[in-house]
Amino acid sequence: MINSEMLAAIGEAVRRDADPGRLRAAFPGVVFSACSEDDIPARAKPVFDAGAHALYLIASPDGHCLCLTDDLSAASGMVVASKDEE
């Protein structure tokens, strides 16, 4: 489970290094996925602005398929979305 303190720690870690493999090593048990912010649905809102990246929560409510969520208590991971620098 991700709480507000962990979210802040993850956000600061992403500011330093957004590599999903290193994030997984630093935060065992948290799922990390990376993509472009363009791949995130427009209706989804980030939970943390980490400079060049926006963080979104993901959950697996049925234990199988992942979905975006805004419920911190249901989150099992984070999408690290790189912002378009146009």
N, C-alpha and C. Protein backbone atom coordinates (compact mmCIF):
# COMPACT_ATOMS: atom_id res chain seq x y z
N MET A 1 0.84 -1.18 0.00
CA MET A 1 0.00 0.00 0.00
C MET A 1 0.88 1.24 0.00
N ILE A 2 0.44 2.25 -0.69
CA ILE A 2 1.17 3.51 -0.78
C ILE A 2 0.46 4.53 0.10
N ASN A 3 1.24 5.21 0.94
CA ASN A 3 0.66 6.27 1.77
C ASN A 3 1.26 7.61 1.32
N SER A 4 0.84 8.69 1.94
CA SER A 4 1.28 10.01 1.50
C SER A 4 2.78 10.22 1.69
N GLU A 5 3.34 9.65 2.76
CA GLU A 5 4.78 9.78 2.97
C GLU A 5 5.57 9.04 1.89
N MET A 6 5.10 7.84 1.54
CA MET A 6 5.76 7.07 0.49
C MET A 6 5.63 7.77 -0.85
N LEU A 7 4.46 8.35 -1.12
CA LEU A 7 4.26 9.09 -2.36
C LEU A 7 5.27 10.22 -2.48
N ALA A 8 5.46 10.97 -1.40
CA ALA A 8 6.44 12.06 -1.42
C ALA A 8 7.85 11.54 -1.64
N ALA A 9 8.20 10.42 -1.00
CA ALA A 9 9.52 9.84 -1.17
C ALA A 9 9.73 9.34 -2.60
N ILE A 10 8.70 8.72 -3.17
CA ILE A 10 8.79 8.26 -4.56
C ILE A 10 8.94 9.46 -5.49
N GLY A 11 8.16 10.50 -5.25
CA GLY A 11 8.25 11.70 -6.09
C GLY A 11 9.64 12.30 -6.08
N GLU A 12 10.25 12.37 -4.92
CA GLU A 12 11.61 12.92 -4.82
C GLU A 12 12.61 11.99 -5.49
N ALA A 13 12.41 10.68 -5.37
CA ALA A 13 13.30 9.73 -6.04
C ALA A 13 13.19 9.87 -7.55
N VAL A 14 11.98 10.06 -8.05
CA VAL A 14 11.78 10.23 -9.50
C VAL A 14 12.45 11.50 -9.99
N ARG A 15 12.44 12.55 -9.20
CA ARG A 15 13.14 13.79 -9.59
C ARG A 15 14.63 13.52 -9.82
N ARG A 16 15.21 12.61 -9.03
CA ARG A 16 16.63 12.30 -9.15
C ARG A 16 16.91 11.29 -10.25
N ASP A 17 16.05 10.27 -10.36
CA ASP A 17 16.27 9.19 -11.33
C ASP A 17 14.95 8.47 -11.57
N ALA A 18 14.41 8.57 -12.76
CA ALA A 18 13.09 8.01 -13.07
C ALA A 18 13.15 6.59 -13.62
N ASP A 19 14.31 5.95 -13.55
CA ASP A 19 14.43 4.60 -14.08
C ASP A 19 13.56 3.62 -13.27
N PRO A 20 12.60 2.94 -13.92
CA PRO A 20 11.71 2.04 -13.19
C PRO A 20 12.44 0.93 -12.44
N GLY A 21 13.50 0.41 -12.99
CA GLY A 21 14.25 -0.66 -12.33
C GLY A 21 14.85 -0.19 -11.01
N ARG A 22 15.42 0.98 -11.02
CA ARG A 22 16.00 1.52 -9.79
C ARG A 22 14.91 1.90 -8.78
N LEU A 23 13.77 2.37 -9.29
CA LEU A 23 12.65 2.67 -8.38
C LEU A 23 12.12 1.40 -7.73
N ARG A 24 12.02 0.31 -8.51
CA ARG A 24 11.56 -0.96 -7.94
C ARG A 24 12.51 -1.44 -6.84
N ALA A 25 13.82 -1.26 -7.07
CA ALA A 25 14.80 -1.67 -6.07
C ALA A 25 14.70 -0.82 -4.80
N ALA A 26 14.43 0.46 -4.98
CA ALA A 26 14.34 1.38 -3.84
C ALA A 26 13.03 1.24 -3.07
N PHE A 27 11.97 0.81 -3.75
CA PHE A 27 10.65 0.69 -3.12
C PHE A 27 10.08 -0.70 -3.40
N PRO A 28 10.62 -1.73 -2.72
CA PRO A 28 10.15 -3.10 -2.95
C PRO A 28 8.64 -3.22 -2.70
N GLY A 29 8.01 -4.00 -3.55
CA GLY A 29 6.57 -4.23 -3.40
C GLY A 29 5.70 -3.24 -4.14
N VAL A 30 6.31 -2.16 -4.65
CA VAL A 30 5.55 -1.16 -5.41
C VAL A 30 5.79 -1.43 -6.89
N VAL A 31 4.71 -1.48 -7.66
CA VAL A 31 4.79 -1.69 -9.10
C VAL A 31 5.10 -0.35 -9.76
N PHE A 32 6.06 -0.33 -10.68
CA PHE A 32 6.38 0.89 -11.43
C PHE A 32 6.28 0.60 -12.91
N SER A 33 5.68 1.52 -13.62
CA SER A 33 5.59 1.46 -15.07
C SER A 33 5.94 2.84 -15.61
N ALA A 34 6.54 2.88 -16.77
CA ALA A 34 6.93 4.15 -17.38
C ALA A 34 6.27 4.31 -18.74
N CYS A 35 5.91 5.54 -19.05
CA CYS A 35 5.33 5.84 -20.35
C CYS A 35 5.44 7.34 -20.59
N SER A 36 4.94 7.78 -21.71
CA SER A 36 4.84 9.20 -21.99
C SER A 36 3.51 9.71 -21.44
N GLU A 37 3.48 10.95 -21.02
CA GLU A 37 2.22 11.51 -20.52
C GLU A 37 1.15 11.50 -21.60
N ASP A 38 1.55 11.48 -22.86
CA ASP A 38 0.60 11.39 -23.97
C ASP A 38 -0.18 10.06 -23.95
N ASP A 39 0.38 9.05 -23.29
CA ASP A 39 -0.27 7.74 -23.22
C ASP A 39 -1.31 7.65 -22.10
N ILE A 40 -1.38 8.67 -21.27
CA ILE A 40 -2.32 8.69 -20.15
C ILE A 40 -3.62 9.36 -20.61
N PRO A 41 -4.78 8.79 -20.26
CA PRO A 41 -6.05 9.43 -20.64
C PRO A 41 -6.13 10.86 -20.11
N ALA A 42 -6.68 11.74 -20.90
CA ALA A 42 -6.76 13.17 -20.55
C ALA A 42 -7.54 13.40 -19.25
N ARG A 43 -8.49 12.54 -18.93
CA ARG A 43 -9.30 12.73 -17.72
C ARG A 43 -8.54 12.37 -16.44
N ALA A 44 -7.44 11.63 -16.56
CA ALA A 44 -6.65 11.24 -15.39
C ALA A 44 -5.81 12.43 -14.92
N LYS A 45 -5.73 12.58 -13.63
CA LYS A 45 -4.95 13.68 -13.04
C LYS A 45 -3.77 13.10 -12.27
N PRO A 46 -2.59 13.68 -12.44
CA PRO A 46 -1.44 13.17 -11.69
C PRO A 46 -1.59 13.43 -10.20
N VAL A 47 -0.96 12.55 -9.42
CA VAL A 47 -0.99 12.72 -7.96
C VAL A 47 0.26 13.41 -7.45
N PHE A 48 1.28 13.54 -8.32
CA PHE A 48 2.53 14.18 -7.92
C PHE A 48 3.21 14.72 -9.16
N ASP A 49 3.68 15.95 -9.09
CA ASP A 49 4.47 16.56 -10.15
C ASP A 49 5.93 16.44 -9.77
N ALA A 50 6.67 15.63 -10.52
CA ALA A 50 8.08 15.39 -10.22
C ALA A 50 8.97 16.05 -11.27
N GLY A 51 8.65 17.27 -11.62
CA GLY A 51 9.47 17.99 -12.59
C GLY A 51 9.23 17.51 -14.00
N ALA A 52 10.14 16.73 -14.54
CA ALA A 52 10.03 16.24 -15.91
C ALA A 52 9.08 15.05 -16.03
N HIS A 53 8.53 14.62 -14.89
CA HIS A 53 7.63 13.47 -14.88
C HIS A 53 6.40 13.77 -14.03
N ALA A 54 5.30 13.15 -14.41
CA ALA A 54 4.07 13.21 -13.62
C ALA A 54 3.79 11.80 -13.11
N LEU A 55 3.36 11.68 -11.87
CA LEU A 55 3.09 10.38 -11.27
C LEU A 55 1.59 10.14 -11.18
N TYR A 56 1.20 8.94 -11.57
CA TYR A 56 -0.19 8.51 -11.51
C TYR A 56 -0.25 7.22 -10.71
N LEU A 57 -1.32 7.03 -9.97
CA LEU A 57 -1.50 5.82 -9.18
C LEU A 57 -2.13 4.72 -10.01
N ILE A 58 -1.68 3.48 -9.76
CA ILE A 58 -2.32 2.33 -10.39
C ILE A 58 -2.75 1.35 -9.30
N ALA A 59 -3.81 0.63 -9.59
CA ALA A 59 -4.34 -0.37 -8.68
C ALA A 59 -4.70 -1.62 -9.48
N SER A 60 -4.84 -2.70 -8.79
CA SER A 60 -5.27 -3.96 -9.39
C SER A 60 -6.43 -4.49 -8.56
N PRO A 61 -7.61 -3.88 -8.73
CA PRO A 61 -8.74 -4.22 -7.86
C PRO A 61 -9.19 -5.67 -7.94
N ASP A 62 -9.04 -6.30 -9.09
CA ASP A 62 -9.45 -7.70 -9.21
C ASP A 62 -8.25 -8.65 -9.13
N GLY A 63 -7.08 -8.09 -8.83
CA GLY A 63 -5.89 -8.92 -8.73
C GLY A 63 -5.29 -9.30 -10.06
N HIS A 64 -5.85 -8.77 -11.14
CA HIS A 64 -5.39 -9.16 -12.47
C HIS A 64 -5.04 -7.95 -13.32
N CYS A 65 -6.02 -7.18 -13.72
CA CYS A 65 -5.80 -6.04 -14.62
C CYS A 65 -5.49 -4.77 -13.82
N LEU A 66 -4.54 -4.00 -14.31
CA LEU A 66 -4.20 -2.72 -13.67
C LEU A 66 -5.10 -1.62 -14.21
N CYS A 67 -5.38 -0.64 -13.35
CA CYS A 67 -6.15 0.52 -13.78
C CYS A 67 -5.62 1.75 -13.04
N LEU A 68 -5.82 2.91 -13.63
CA LEU A 68 -5.47 4.15 -12.95
C LEU A 68 -6.49 4.41 -11.86
N THR A 69 -6.04 4.99 -10.76
CA THR A 69 -6.93 5.32 -9.66
C THR A 69 -6.48 6.63 -9.03
N ASP A 70 -7.36 7.25 -8.31
CA ASP A 70 -6.97 8.42 -7.51
C ASP A 70 -7.07 8.11 -6.02
N ASP A 71 -7.32 6.83 -5.71
CA ASP A 71 -7.46 6.36 -4.33
C ASP A 71 -6.12 5.85 -3.83
N LEU A 72 -5.46 6.66 -3.03
CA LEU A 72 -4.15 6.31 -2.50
C LEU A 72 -4.17 5.00 -1.74
N SER A 73 -5.23 4.74 -0.98
CA SER A 73 -5.30 3.52 -0.17
C SER A 73 -5.46 2.26 -1.02
N ALA A 74 -5.91 2.39 -2.26
CA ALA A 74 -6.08 1.25 -3.15
C ALA A 74 -4.90 1.05 -4.08
N ALA A 75 -3.98 2.00 -4.10
CA ALA A 75 -2.87 1.97 -5.06
C ALA A 75 -1.84 0.91 -4.68
N SER A 76 -1.36 0.24 -5.72
CA SER A 76 -0.29 -0.75 -5.54
C SER A 76 0.94 -0.36 -6.33
N GLY A 77 0.83 0.71 -7.09
CA GLY A 77 1.96 1.12 -7.91
C GLY A 77 1.80 2.50 -8.50
N MET A 78 2.78 2.84 -9.32
CA MET A 78 2.84 4.18 -9.91
C MET A 78 3.18 4.08 -11.39
N VAL A 79 2.58 4.96 -12.17
CA VAL A 79 3.00 5.18 -13.54
C VAL A 79 3.85 6.44 -13.51
N VAL A 80 5.06 6.34 -14.04
CA VAL A 80 5.97 7.47 -14.15
C VAL A 80 5.87 7.93 -15.60
N ALA A 81 5.15 9.02 -15.81
CA ALA A 81 4.89 9.51 -17.16
C ALA A 81 5.79 10.69 -17.48
N SER A 82 6.60 10.54 -18.51
CA SER A 82 7.48 11.64 -18.90
C SER A 82 6.66 12.71 -19.60
N LYS A 83 6.91 13.95 -19.23
CA LYS A 83 6.19 15.07 -19.82
C LYS A 83 6.79 15.41 -21.16
N ASP A 84 5.92 15.78 -22.08
CA ASP A 84 6.37 16.19 -23.41
C ASP A 84 7.06 17.54 -23.31
N GLU A 85 8.24 17.64 -23.84
CA GLU A 85 9.02 18.87 -23.75
C GLU A 85 9.01 19.65 -25.07
N GLU A 86 7.85 19.82 -25.67
CA GLU A 86 7.76 20.57 -26.93
C GLU A 86 7.91 22.04 -26.71
